[in-house]
């Protein structure tokens, strides 16, 4: 994975947007949409949408061939597996077997290959750059996350109605919210109103 900062701007279908840093690119990817009630958050409608997401930092993988509908379907399957595995780990539940199988299957493909540029100071991905390679790279990062020292730092936002998951990379390990500007501030506002209501 490239040594770039994680995080993306998420858009609420009811209006508004906020910056959310999941702490890992694979978890950022897990928040690009979903199934069932999360379908309203879908951002990968067409193969071109997936290509655009992968080209954005921090993975910065510009495809050398147009993506296909089949590759988009595979990407969404991996996304759901990462989402399911992250929530299971955050809740201290066993990981779903189907999620493990999907992540392992994606990781089995050849990953993106880093390539040093002619100037010797910057790097990119060696061509050809294909979707299966990018998905493999994301799946491998998830495997490292689930099996590594930060596995116990995978958390769900502490808000009652926010399902966003992240890996707490802060030194004290005290992160509770998806974003302070969103759920953190809402919690502060509710707590202040509750105090005011009980003050004599």
N, C-alpha and C. Protein backbone atom coordinates (compact mmCIF):
# COMPACT_ATOMS: atom_id res chain seq x y z
N UNK A 1 0.85 -1.19 0.00
CA UNK A 1 0.00 0.00 0.00
C UNK A 1 0.88 1.24 0.00
N UNK A 2 0.45 2.24 -0.71
CA UNK A 2 1.23 3.47 -0.81
C UNK A 2 1.24 4.17 0.54
N UNK A 3 2.32 4.90 0.82
CA UNK A 3 2.46 5.59 2.10
C UNK A 3 1.79 6.96 2.04
N UNK A 4 0.51 6.97 1.71
CA UNK A 4 -0.26 8.21 1.66
C UNK A 4 -1.29 8.20 2.77
N UNK A 5 -1.79 9.37 3.09
CA UNK A 5 -2.78 9.48 4.15
C UNK A 5 -4.07 8.79 3.74
N UNK A 6 -4.75 8.21 4.72
CA UNK A 6 -6.04 7.59 4.47
C UNK A 6 -7.13 8.64 4.67
N UNK A 7 -8.36 8.25 4.38
CA UNK A 7 -9.50 9.14 4.61
C UNK A 7 -10.15 9.59 3.32
N UNK A 8 -11.46 9.78 3.39
CA UNK A 8 -12.26 10.24 2.25
C UNK A 8 -13.38 11.13 2.75
N UNK A 9 -13.95 11.92 1.84
CA UNK A 9 -15.14 12.68 2.14
C UNK A 9 -16.35 11.80 1.89
N UNK A 10 -17.19 11.62 2.91
CA UNK A 10 -18.42 10.83 2.77
C UNK A 10 -19.60 11.78 2.63
N UNK A 11 -20.55 11.39 1.79
CA UNK A 11 -21.73 12.22 1.52
C UNK A 11 -22.97 11.55 2.09
N UNK A 12 -23.72 12.30 2.88
CA UNK A 12 -24.97 11.80 3.44
C UNK A 12 -26.08 12.01 2.42
N UNK A 13 -26.85 10.95 2.08
CA UNK A 13 -27.94 11.13 1.11
C UNK A 13 -28.99 12.14 1.56
N UNK A 14 -29.05 12.43 2.87
CA UNK A 14 -29.99 13.42 3.38
C UNK A 14 -29.44 14.84 3.25
N UNK A 15 -28.19 14.94 2.81
CA UNK A 15 -27.55 16.24 2.67
C UNK A 15 -26.34 16.38 3.56
N UNK A 16 -25.34 17.11 3.08
CA UNK A 16 -24.14 17.34 3.87
C UNK A 16 -23.07 16.30 3.59
N UNK A 17 -21.87 16.62 3.99
CA UNK A 17 -20.74 15.71 3.83
C UNK A 17 -19.76 15.95 4.97
N UNK A 18 -18.89 14.99 5.20
CA UNK A 18 -17.89 15.13 6.25
C UNK A 18 -16.69 14.27 5.93
N UNK A 19 -15.55 14.63 6.51
CA UNK A 19 -14.32 13.88 6.31
C UNK A 19 -14.26 12.72 7.29
N UNK A 20 -14.06 11.53 6.75
CA UNK A 20 -13.97 10.33 7.58
C UNK A 20 -12.69 9.58 7.26
N UNK A 21 -11.88 9.38 8.28
CA UNK A 21 -10.64 8.63 8.13
C UNK A 21 -10.79 7.30 8.85
N UNK A 22 -10.91 6.22 8.09
CA UNK A 22 -11.08 4.89 8.68
C UNK A 22 -9.77 4.32 9.18
N UNK A 23 -8.65 4.98 8.90
CA UNK A 23 -7.37 4.52 9.40
C UNK A 23 -6.70 3.46 8.55
N UNK A 24 -7.38 2.97 7.53
CA UNK A 24 -6.82 1.99 6.60
C UNK A 24 -7.56 2.13 5.28
N UNK A 25 -6.84 1.96 4.18
CA UNK A 25 -7.46 2.14 2.87
C UNK A 25 -8.56 1.10 2.65
N UNK A 26 -8.32 -0.14 3.11
CA UNK A 26 -9.34 -1.18 2.92
C UNK A 26 -10.64 -0.82 3.65
N UNK A 27 -10.53 -0.17 4.80
CA UNK A 27 -11.74 0.24 5.53
C UNK A 27 -12.38 1.47 4.88
N UNK A 28 -11.55 2.36 4.31
CA UNK A 28 -12.12 3.46 3.52
C UNK A 28 -12.96 2.87 2.38
N UNK A 29 -12.42 1.83 1.75
CA UNK A 29 -13.12 1.18 0.63
C UNK A 29 -14.45 0.57 1.09
N UNK A 30 -14.47 0.04 2.31
CA UNK A 30 -15.69 -0.59 2.84
C UNK A 30 -16.83 0.41 3.00
N UNK A 31 -16.53 1.70 2.99
CA UNK A 31 -17.55 2.72 3.19
C UNK A 31 -17.98 3.42 1.89
N UNK A 32 -17.78 2.73 0.76
CA UNK A 32 -18.18 3.32 -0.52
C UNK A 32 -19.62 2.99 -0.89
N UNK A 33 -20.31 2.26 -0.04
CA UNK A 33 -21.70 1.88 -0.30
C UNK A 33 -22.01 0.58 0.41
N UNK A 34 -23.05 -0.09 -0.04
CA UNK A 34 -23.38 -1.35 0.63
C UNK A 34 -24.67 -1.95 0.15
N UNK A 35 -25.13 -2.94 0.89
CA UNK A 35 -26.34 -3.66 0.54
C UNK A 35 -27.47 -3.29 1.51
N UNK A 36 -28.69 -3.65 1.14
CA UNK A 36 -29.84 -3.44 2.02
C UNK A 36 -30.01 -1.97 2.38
N UNK A 37 -30.08 -1.66 3.68
CA UNK A 37 -30.30 -0.27 4.09
C UNK A 37 -29.15 0.66 3.73
N UNK A 38 -27.98 0.09 3.43
CA UNK A 38 -26.82 0.92 3.10
C UNK A 38 -26.72 1.22 1.61
N UNK A 39 -27.68 0.70 0.82
CA UNK A 39 -27.67 0.95 -0.62
C UNK A 39 -27.82 2.44 -0.95
N UNK A 40 -28.43 3.20 -0.04
CA UNK A 40 -28.60 4.63 -0.28
C UNK A 40 -27.26 5.36 -0.28
N UNK A 41 -26.22 4.72 0.27
CA UNK A 41 -24.91 5.35 0.32
C UNK A 41 -24.02 4.91 -0.85
N UNK A 42 -24.59 4.12 -1.77
CA UNK A 42 -23.79 3.58 -2.87
C UNK A 42 -23.13 4.68 -3.70
N UNK A 43 -21.83 4.54 -3.91
CA UNK A 43 -21.11 5.49 -4.76
C UNK A 43 -20.47 4.81 -5.95
N UNK A 44 -20.46 3.47 -5.98
CA UNK A 44 -19.86 2.73 -7.09
C UNK A 44 -20.97 2.18 -7.98
N UNK A 45 -21.57 3.06 -8.76
CA UNK A 45 -22.70 2.66 -9.60
C UNK A 45 -22.25 2.01 -10.91
N UNK A 46 -21.16 2.50 -11.45
CA UNK A 46 -20.64 2.02 -12.72
C UNK A 46 -19.17 1.63 -12.56
N UNK A 47 -18.65 0.80 -13.47
CA UNK A 47 -17.22 0.47 -13.41
C UNK A 47 -16.32 1.70 -13.37
N UNK A 48 -16.73 2.76 -14.06
CA UNK A 48 -15.92 3.99 -14.07
C UNK A 48 -15.84 4.61 -12.68
N UNK A 49 -16.88 4.44 -11.86
CA UNK A 49 -16.85 4.97 -10.49
C UNK A 49 -15.78 4.27 -9.67
N UNK A 50 -15.67 2.95 -9.86
CA UNK A 50 -14.63 2.18 -9.15
C UNK A 50 -13.25 2.61 -9.63
N UNK A 51 -13.10 2.80 -10.92
CA UNK A 51 -11.81 3.24 -11.47
C UNK A 51 -11.40 4.59 -10.88
N UNK A 52 -12.38 5.49 -10.76
CA UNK A 52 -12.11 6.81 -10.19
C UNK A 52 -11.70 6.69 -8.72
N UNK A 53 -12.37 5.82 -7.95
CA UNK A 53 -12.04 5.66 -6.53
C UNK A 53 -10.64 5.11 -6.37
N UNK A 54 -10.28 4.12 -7.19
CA UNK A 54 -8.96 3.51 -7.09
C UNK A 54 -7.85 4.47 -7.52
N UNK A 55 -8.17 5.40 -8.43
CA UNK A 55 -7.16 6.35 -8.91
C UNK A 55 -6.87 7.44 -7.89
N UNK A 56 -7.78 7.61 -6.94
CA UNK A 56 -7.63 8.66 -5.93
C UNK A 56 -6.61 8.24 -4.90
N UNK A 57 -5.83 9.19 -4.33
CA UNK A 57 -4.98 8.83 -3.20
C UNK A 57 -5.87 8.25 -2.10
N UNK A 58 -5.45 7.27 -1.33
CA UNK A 58 -4.06 6.91 -1.18
C UNK A 58 -3.62 5.69 -1.96
N UNK A 59 -4.50 4.97 -2.60
CA UNK A 59 -4.02 3.83 -3.38
C UNK A 59 -3.46 4.28 -4.73
N UNK A 60 -4.07 5.31 -5.31
CA UNK A 60 -3.55 5.95 -6.53
C UNK A 60 -3.22 4.95 -7.62
N UNK A 61 -4.15 4.04 -7.89
CA UNK A 61 -3.95 3.03 -8.93
C UNK A 61 -4.78 3.42 -10.16
N UNK A 62 -4.12 3.97 -11.15
CA UNK A 62 -4.79 4.38 -12.39
C UNK A 62 -4.83 3.17 -13.31
N UNK A 63 -6.02 2.70 -13.62
CA UNK A 63 -6.18 1.50 -14.43
C UNK A 63 -5.63 1.71 -15.84
N UNK A 64 -4.99 0.69 -16.38
CA UNK A 64 -4.45 0.77 -17.74
C UNK A 64 -5.44 0.21 -18.76
N UNK A 65 -6.57 -0.31 -18.29
CA UNK A 65 -7.64 -0.78 -19.17
C UNK A 65 -8.97 -0.48 -18.50
N UNK A 66 -10.02 -0.22 -19.29
CA UNK A 66 -11.33 0.07 -18.69
C UNK A 66 -11.81 -1.09 -17.81
N UNK A 67 -12.45 -0.75 -16.70
CA UNK A 67 -12.98 -1.78 -15.81
C UNK A 67 -14.27 -2.36 -16.38
N UNK A 68 -14.55 -3.58 -16.00
CA UNK A 68 -15.75 -4.28 -16.48
C UNK A 68 -16.80 -4.38 -15.38
N UNK A 69 -18.01 -4.73 -15.77
CA UNK A 69 -19.08 -4.95 -14.80
C UNK A 69 -18.72 -6.11 -13.88
N UNK A 70 -18.08 -7.14 -14.42
CA UNK A 70 -17.66 -8.29 -13.61
C UNK A 70 -16.68 -7.84 -12.52
N UNK A 71 -15.75 -6.96 -12.86
CA UNK A 71 -14.78 -6.47 -11.88
C UNK A 71 -15.46 -5.61 -10.82
N UNK A 72 -16.47 -4.85 -11.22
CA UNK A 72 -17.24 -4.06 -10.25
C UNK A 72 -17.97 -4.98 -9.28
N UNK A 73 -18.54 -6.06 -9.80
CA UNK A 73 -19.23 -7.04 -8.94
C UNK A 73 -18.26 -7.66 -7.95
N UNK A 74 -17.06 -8.02 -8.42
CA UNK A 74 -16.04 -8.59 -7.54
C UNK A 74 -15.61 -7.58 -6.47
N UNK A 75 -15.51 -6.33 -6.85
CA UNK A 75 -15.12 -5.28 -5.91
C UNK A 75 -16.17 -5.12 -4.82
N UNK A 76 -17.44 -5.16 -5.19
CA UNK A 76 -18.52 -5.01 -4.21
C UNK A 76 -18.57 -6.21 -3.26
N UNK A 77 -18.25 -7.40 -3.78
CA UNK A 77 -18.22 -8.58 -2.93
C UNK A 77 -17.10 -8.46 -1.90
N UNK A 78 -15.94 -7.98 -2.34
CA UNK A 78 -14.83 -7.77 -1.41
C UNK A 78 -15.18 -6.69 -0.40
N UNK A 79 -15.80 -5.62 -0.88
CA UNK A 79 -16.20 -4.53 0.02
C UNK A 79 -17.11 -5.04 1.13
N UNK A 80 -18.10 -5.87 0.77
CA UNK A 80 -19.02 -6.41 1.77
C UNK A 80 -18.29 -7.32 2.75
N UNK A 81 -17.34 -8.09 2.25
CA UNK A 81 -16.57 -9.00 3.11
C UNK A 81 -15.73 -8.21 4.11
N UNK A 82 -15.11 -7.14 3.65
CA UNK A 82 -14.31 -6.29 4.55
C UNK A 82 -15.22 -5.67 5.60
N UNK A 83 -16.38 -5.18 5.18
CA UNK A 83 -17.35 -4.57 6.10
C UNK A 83 -17.79 -5.57 7.17
N UNK A 84 -18.16 -6.77 6.72
CA UNK A 84 -18.64 -7.80 7.65
C UNK A 84 -17.54 -8.22 8.62
N UNK A 85 -16.33 -8.39 8.11
CA UNK A 85 -15.21 -8.82 8.96
C UNK A 85 -14.85 -7.74 9.97
N UNK A 86 -14.86 -6.48 9.53
CA UNK A 86 -14.51 -5.38 10.44
C UNK A 86 -15.53 -5.25 11.56
N UNK A 87 -16.82 -5.37 11.23
CA UNK A 87 -17.84 -5.27 12.26
C UNK A 87 -17.79 -6.45 13.23
N UNK A 88 -17.49 -7.63 12.70
CA UNK A 88 -17.37 -8.79 13.58
C UNK A 88 -16.21 -8.61 14.55
N UNK A 89 -15.08 -8.14 14.04
CA UNK A 89 -13.92 -7.95 14.91
C UNK A 89 -14.19 -6.85 15.94
N UNK A 90 -14.85 -5.76 15.52
CA UNK A 90 -15.16 -4.67 16.44
C UNK A 90 -16.08 -5.14 17.56
N UNK A 91 -16.98 -6.10 17.26
CA UNK A 91 -17.93 -6.62 18.24
C UNK A 91 -17.39 -7.85 18.97
N UNK A 92 -16.14 -8.21 18.69
CA UNK A 92 -15.51 -9.38 19.32
C UNK A 92 -16.26 -10.67 19.01
N UNK A 93 -16.78 -10.75 17.78
CA UNK A 93 -17.45 -11.96 17.31
C UNK A 93 -16.52 -12.71 16.35
N UNK A 94 -16.72 -14.00 16.16
CA UNK A 94 -15.95 -14.72 15.14
C UNK A 94 -16.22 -14.12 13.75
N UNK A 95 -15.21 -14.08 12.93
CA UNK A 95 -15.39 -13.54 11.58
C UNK A 95 -16.23 -14.50 10.75
N UNK A 96 -17.16 -13.98 9.93
CA UNK A 96 -17.98 -14.86 9.09
C UNK A 96 -17.09 -15.64 8.11
N UNK A 97 -17.37 -16.92 7.97
CA UNK A 97 -16.57 -17.77 7.08
C UNK A 97 -16.61 -17.26 5.64
N UNK A 98 -17.76 -16.78 5.22
CA UNK A 98 -17.90 -16.29 3.84
C UNK A 98 -17.02 -15.05 3.62
N UNK A 99 -16.94 -14.18 4.62
CA UNK A 99 -16.11 -12.99 4.50
C UNK A 99 -14.63 -13.38 4.40
N UNK A 100 -14.21 -14.32 5.23
CA UNK A 100 -12.82 -14.79 5.19
C UNK A 100 -12.50 -15.37 3.82
N UNK A 101 -13.42 -16.19 3.31
CA UNK A 101 -13.21 -16.83 2.00
C UNK A 101 -13.08 -15.79 0.89
N UNK A 102 -13.95 -14.77 0.92
CA UNK A 102 -13.93 -13.74 -0.12
C UNK A 102 -12.65 -12.91 -0.06
N UNK A 103 -12.23 -12.54 1.15
CA UNK A 103 -11.00 -11.77 1.31
C UNK A 103 -9.80 -12.58 0.85
N UNK A 104 -9.74 -13.84 1.24
CA UNK A 104 -8.62 -14.70 0.83
C UNK A 104 -8.59 -14.90 -0.68
N UNK A 105 -9.77 -15.05 -1.29
CA UNK A 105 -9.83 -15.26 -2.73
C UNK A 105 -9.31 -14.03 -3.47
N UNK A 106 -9.70 -12.84 -3.00
CA UNK A 106 -9.22 -11.62 -3.64
C UNK A 106 -7.71 -11.45 -3.45
N UNK A 107 -7.21 -11.80 -2.26
CA UNK A 107 -5.80 -11.65 -1.94
C UNK A 107 -4.93 -12.61 -2.73
N UNK A 108 -5.51 -13.71 -3.22
CA UNK A 108 -4.74 -14.72 -3.94
C UNK A 108 -4.27 -14.23 -5.31
N UNK A 109 -4.94 -13.23 -5.85
CA UNK A 109 -4.50 -12.66 -7.14
C UNK A 109 -3.22 -11.87 -6.93
N UNK A 110 -2.49 -11.66 -8.03
CA UNK A 110 -1.27 -10.86 -7.94
C UNK A 110 -1.61 -9.43 -7.52
N UNK A 111 -0.86 -8.85 -6.58
CA UNK A 111 -1.15 -7.49 -6.13
C UNK A 111 -0.52 -6.45 -7.05
N UNK A 112 -0.79 -5.20 -6.76
CA UNK A 112 -0.12 -4.10 -7.45
C UNK A 112 1.38 -4.17 -7.17
N UNK A 113 2.19 -3.86 -8.17
CA UNK A 113 3.64 -3.92 -8.04
C UNK A 113 4.20 -2.50 -8.03
N UNK A 114 4.86 -2.08 -6.94
CA UNK A 114 5.42 -0.74 -6.90
C UNK A 114 6.59 -0.59 -7.87
N UNK A 115 6.71 0.60 -8.44
CA UNK A 115 7.77 0.87 -9.42
C UNK A 115 8.36 2.24 -9.16
N UNK A 116 9.66 2.29 -9.02
CA UNK A 116 10.36 3.56 -8.79
C UNK A 116 10.42 4.35 -10.09
N UNK A 117 10.09 5.64 -10.02
CA UNK A 117 10.11 6.49 -11.20
C UNK A 117 11.55 6.81 -11.60
N UNK A 118 11.71 7.35 -12.81
CA UNK A 118 13.04 7.63 -13.35
C UNK A 118 13.81 8.62 -12.49
N UNK A 119 13.10 9.50 -11.76
CA UNK A 119 13.80 10.48 -10.93
C UNK A 119 14.36 9.86 -9.66
N UNK A 120 13.97 8.63 -9.38
CA UNK A 120 14.49 7.93 -8.22
C UNK A 120 13.94 8.39 -6.89
N UNK A 121 12.96 9.29 -6.90
CA UNK A 121 12.43 9.82 -5.64
C UNK A 121 10.93 9.59 -5.50
N UNK A 122 10.25 9.22 -6.57
CA UNK A 122 8.81 8.98 -6.50
C UNK A 122 8.52 7.57 -7.03
N UNK A 123 7.33 7.09 -6.70
CA UNK A 123 6.96 5.74 -7.11
C UNK A 123 5.54 5.70 -7.62
N UNK A 124 5.27 4.72 -8.43
CA UNK A 124 3.92 4.47 -8.92
C UNK A 124 3.71 2.97 -8.96
N UNK A 125 2.73 2.55 -9.75
CA UNK A 125 2.48 1.12 -9.90
C UNK A 125 2.93 0.69 -11.27
N UNK A 126 3.64 -0.43 -11.35
CA UNK A 126 4.14 -0.94 -12.62
C UNK A 126 2.97 -1.39 -13.49
N UNK A 127 2.95 -0.99 -14.77
CA UNK A 127 1.89 -1.45 -15.65
C UNK A 127 2.09 -2.92 -16.04
N UNK A 128 1.02 -3.59 -16.43
CA UNK A 128 -0.35 -3.09 -16.47
C UNK A 128 -0.97 -3.03 -15.07
N UNK A 129 -1.85 -2.06 -14.88
CA UNK A 129 -2.54 -1.90 -13.59
C UNK A 129 -3.99 -2.33 -13.79
N UNK A 130 -4.33 -3.47 -13.18
CA UNK A 130 -5.66 -4.04 -13.37
C UNK A 130 -6.45 -4.03 -12.06
N UNK A 131 -7.77 -4.11 -12.20
CA UNK A 131 -8.65 -4.06 -11.02
C UNK A 131 -8.36 -5.19 -10.06
N UNK A 132 -8.13 -6.41 -10.58
CA UNK A 132 -7.88 -7.56 -9.71
C UNK A 132 -6.65 -7.33 -8.83
N UNK A 133 -5.64 -6.63 -9.38
CA UNK A 133 -4.45 -6.32 -8.61
C UNK A 133 -4.77 -5.34 -7.48
N UNK A 134 -5.57 -4.32 -7.78
CA UNK A 134 -5.94 -3.34 -6.77
C UNK A 134 -6.76 -4.00 -5.67
N UNK A 135 -7.69 -4.87 -6.05
CA UNK A 135 -8.52 -5.56 -5.06
C UNK A 135 -7.65 -6.49 -4.21
N UNK A 136 -6.68 -7.14 -4.83
CA UNK A 136 -5.77 -7.99 -4.08
C UNK A 136 -4.99 -7.18 -3.06
N UNK A 137 -4.55 -6.00 -3.45
CA UNK A 137 -3.80 -5.14 -2.54
C UNK A 137 -4.67 -4.72 -1.35
N UNK A 138 -5.94 -4.39 -1.61
CA UNK A 138 -6.86 -4.03 -0.54
C UNK A 138 -7.13 -5.22 0.37
N UNK A 139 -7.33 -6.40 -0.22
CA UNK A 139 -7.60 -7.61 0.57
C UNK A 139 -6.40 -7.96 1.44
N UNK A 140 -5.20 -7.83 0.89
CA UNK A 140 -3.99 -8.13 1.66
C UNK A 140 -3.81 -7.16 2.83
N UNK A 141 -4.18 -5.89 2.61
CA UNK A 141 -4.11 -4.94 3.72
C UNK A 141 -5.08 -5.34 4.82
N UNK A 142 -6.29 -5.80 4.43
CA UNK A 142 -7.27 -6.22 5.43
C UNK A 142 -6.77 -7.43 6.20
N UNK A 143 -6.12 -8.36 5.50
CA UNK A 143 -5.56 -9.53 6.18
C UNK A 143 -4.51 -9.11 7.20
N UNK A 144 -3.64 -8.18 6.80
CA UNK A 144 -2.62 -7.68 7.73
C UNK A 144 -3.25 -6.99 8.93
N UNK A 145 -4.33 -6.24 8.66
CA UNK A 145 -5.01 -5.52 9.74
C UNK A 145 -5.64 -6.50 10.73
N UNK A 146 -6.33 -7.50 10.21
CA UNK A 146 -7.04 -8.46 11.07
C UNK A 146 -6.09 -9.36 11.85
N UNK A 147 -4.92 -9.60 11.31
CA UNK A 147 -3.99 -10.53 11.94
C UNK A 147 -2.83 -9.83 12.64
N UNK A 148 -2.80 -8.49 12.59
CA UNK A 148 -1.68 -7.75 13.13
C UNK A 148 -1.96 -7.08 14.47
N UNK A 149 -1.04 -6.23 14.91
CA UNK A 149 -1.13 -5.62 16.23
C UNK A 149 -2.29 -4.64 16.40
N UNK A 150 -2.85 -4.13 15.29
CA UNK A 150 -3.96 -3.18 15.38
C UNK A 150 -5.32 -3.87 15.31
N UNK A 151 -5.33 -5.20 15.28
CA UNK A 151 -6.59 -5.93 15.18
C UNK A 151 -7.56 -5.57 16.29
N UNK A 152 -7.04 -5.40 17.50
CA UNK A 152 -7.88 -5.04 18.64
C UNK A 152 -8.31 -3.60 18.66
N UNK A 153 -7.81 -2.81 17.69
CA UNK A 153 -8.17 -1.39 17.61
C UNK A 153 -9.26 -1.13 16.56
N UNK A 154 -9.82 -2.19 15.96
CA UNK A 154 -10.91 -2.00 15.01
C UNK A 154 -12.18 -1.74 15.81
N UNK A 155 -12.81 -0.61 15.55
CA UNK A 155 -13.96 -0.20 16.36
C UNK A 155 -15.09 0.33 15.50
N UNK A 156 -16.30 0.24 16.06
CA UNK A 156 -17.46 0.88 15.46
C UNK A 156 -17.68 2.19 16.19
N UNK A 157 -18.15 3.19 15.46
CA UNK A 157 -18.43 4.50 16.07
C UNK A 157 -19.32 4.31 17.30
N UNK A 158 -19.02 5.05 18.36
CA UNK A 158 -19.75 4.91 19.63
C UNK A 158 -21.16 5.48 19.59
N UNK A 159 -21.51 6.18 18.53
CA UNK A 159 -22.87 6.69 18.41
C UNK A 159 -23.85 5.54 18.25
N UNK A 160 -25.04 5.70 18.83
CA UNK A 160 -26.04 4.63 18.80
C UNK A 160 -26.50 4.29 17.38
N UNK A 161 -26.48 5.26 16.47
CA UNK A 161 -27.05 5.03 15.14
C UNK A 161 -26.03 5.26 14.03
N UNK A 162 -24.75 5.04 14.31
CA UNK A 162 -23.72 5.21 13.28
C UNK A 162 -22.94 3.90 13.14
N UNK A 163 -23.00 3.27 11.96
CA UNK A 163 -22.35 1.97 11.78
C UNK A 163 -20.92 2.06 11.24
N UNK A 164 -20.37 3.27 11.12
CA UNK A 164 -19.04 3.39 10.52
C UNK A 164 -17.99 2.71 11.39
N UNK A 165 -17.06 2.01 10.74
CA UNK A 165 -15.99 1.30 11.45
C UNK A 165 -14.64 1.92 11.08
N UNK A 166 -13.72 1.84 12.01
CA UNK A 166 -12.39 2.41 11.78
C UNK A 166 -11.38 1.65 12.62
N UNK A 167 -10.11 1.83 12.29
CA UNK A 167 -9.04 1.31 13.14
C UNK A 167 -8.44 2.50 13.87
N UNK A 168 -8.43 2.41 15.18
CA UNK A 168 -7.94 3.50 16.02
C UNK A 168 -6.41 3.48 16.02
N UNK A 169 -5.82 4.37 15.24
CA UNK A 169 -4.36 4.44 15.14
C UNK A 169 -3.77 5.49 16.07
N UNK A 170 -4.61 6.11 16.89
CA UNK A 170 -4.10 7.12 17.82
C UNK A 170 -3.23 6.46 18.89
N UNK A 171 -2.24 7.19 19.37
CA UNK A 171 -1.32 6.62 20.36
C UNK A 171 -2.03 6.14 21.62
N UNK A 172 -2.95 6.94 22.21
CA UNK A 172 -3.61 6.46 23.43
C UNK A 172 -4.70 5.42 23.18
N UNK A 173 -5.10 5.26 21.92
CA UNK A 173 -6.16 4.29 21.62
C UNK A 173 -7.50 4.69 22.19
N UNK A 174 -7.80 5.99 22.18
CA UNK A 174 -9.02 6.48 22.82
C UNK A 174 -10.05 7.02 21.84
N UNK A 175 -9.88 6.76 20.55
CA UNK A 175 -10.83 7.27 19.57
C UNK A 175 -12.18 6.56 19.72
N UNK A 176 -13.26 7.33 19.77
CA UNK A 176 -14.59 6.77 19.95
C UNK A 176 -15.52 7.03 18.76
N UNK A 177 -15.24 8.10 18.03
CA UNK A 177 -16.19 8.58 17.03
C UNK A 177 -15.66 8.41 15.62
N UNK A 178 -16.60 8.28 14.67
CA UNK A 178 -16.21 8.25 13.26
C UNK A 178 -15.51 9.56 12.92
N UNK A 179 -16.07 10.67 13.40
CA UNK A 179 -15.49 11.99 13.20
C UNK A 179 -16.02 12.91 14.29
N UNK A 180 -15.15 13.71 14.87
CA UNK A 180 -15.59 14.65 15.90
C UNK A 180 -16.60 15.64 15.35
N UNK A 181 -16.41 16.05 14.08
CA UNK A 181 -17.30 17.05 13.49
C UNK A 181 -18.70 16.50 13.26
N UNK A 182 -18.85 15.18 13.33
CA UNK A 182 -20.16 14.56 13.11
C UNK A 182 -20.69 13.97 14.41
N UNK A 183 -20.40 12.73 14.68
CA UNK A 183 -20.97 12.07 15.86
C UNK A 183 -20.38 12.59 17.17
N UNK A 184 -19.13 13.00 17.17
CA UNK A 184 -18.53 13.54 18.39
C UNK A 184 -19.23 14.81 18.84
N UNK A 185 -19.48 15.71 17.90
CA UNK A 185 -20.16 16.96 18.23
C UNK A 185 -21.62 16.73 18.60
N UNK A 186 -22.27 15.78 17.92
CA UNK A 186 -23.66 15.47 18.26
C UNK A 186 -23.76 14.95 19.69
N UNK A 187 -22.79 14.11 20.08
CA UNK A 187 -22.78 13.58 21.45
C UNK A 187 -22.59 14.71 22.46
N UNK A 188 -21.65 15.62 22.17
CA UNK A 188 -21.42 16.76 23.06
C UNK A 188 -22.67 17.61 23.21
N UNK A 189 -23.35 17.84 22.09
CA UNK A 189 -24.56 18.67 22.12
C UNK A 189 -25.66 17.99 22.94
N UNK A 190 -25.85 16.68 22.75
CA UNK A 190 -26.87 15.96 23.53
C UNK A 190 -26.53 15.96 25.02
N UNK A 191 -25.25 15.78 25.33
CA UNK A 191 -24.84 15.76 26.74
C UNK A 191 -25.07 17.12 27.38
N UNK A 192 -24.78 18.19 26.64
CA UNK A 192 -24.99 19.53 27.18
C UNK A 192 -26.47 19.81 27.41
N UNK A 193 -27.31 19.39 26.47
CA UNK A 193 -28.75 19.59 26.62
C UNK A 193 -29.28 18.79 27.81
N UNK A 194 -28.75 17.57 28.01
CA UNK A 194 -29.19 16.75 29.13
C UNK A 194 -28.79 17.40 30.46
N UNK A 195 -27.60 17.98 30.52
CA UNK A 195 -27.17 18.67 31.74
C UNK A 195 -28.03 19.88 32.02
N UNK A 196 -28.33 20.63 30.95
CA UNK A 196 -29.17 21.83 31.12
C UNK A 196 -30.58 21.47 31.59
N UNK A 197 -31.07 20.32 31.12
CA UNK A 197 -32.42 19.91 31.50
C UNK A 197 -32.49 19.48 32.96
N UNK A 198 -31.38 19.02 33.51
CA UNK A 198 -31.40 18.57 34.90
C UNK A 198 -30.88 19.60 35.89
N UNK A 199 -30.28 20.68 35.35
CA UNK A 199 -29.79 21.74 36.24
C UNK A 199 -30.96 22.40 36.95
N UNK A 200 -30.85 22.69 38.26
CA UNK A 200 -31.95 23.37 38.98
C UNK A 200 -32.09 24.82 38.50
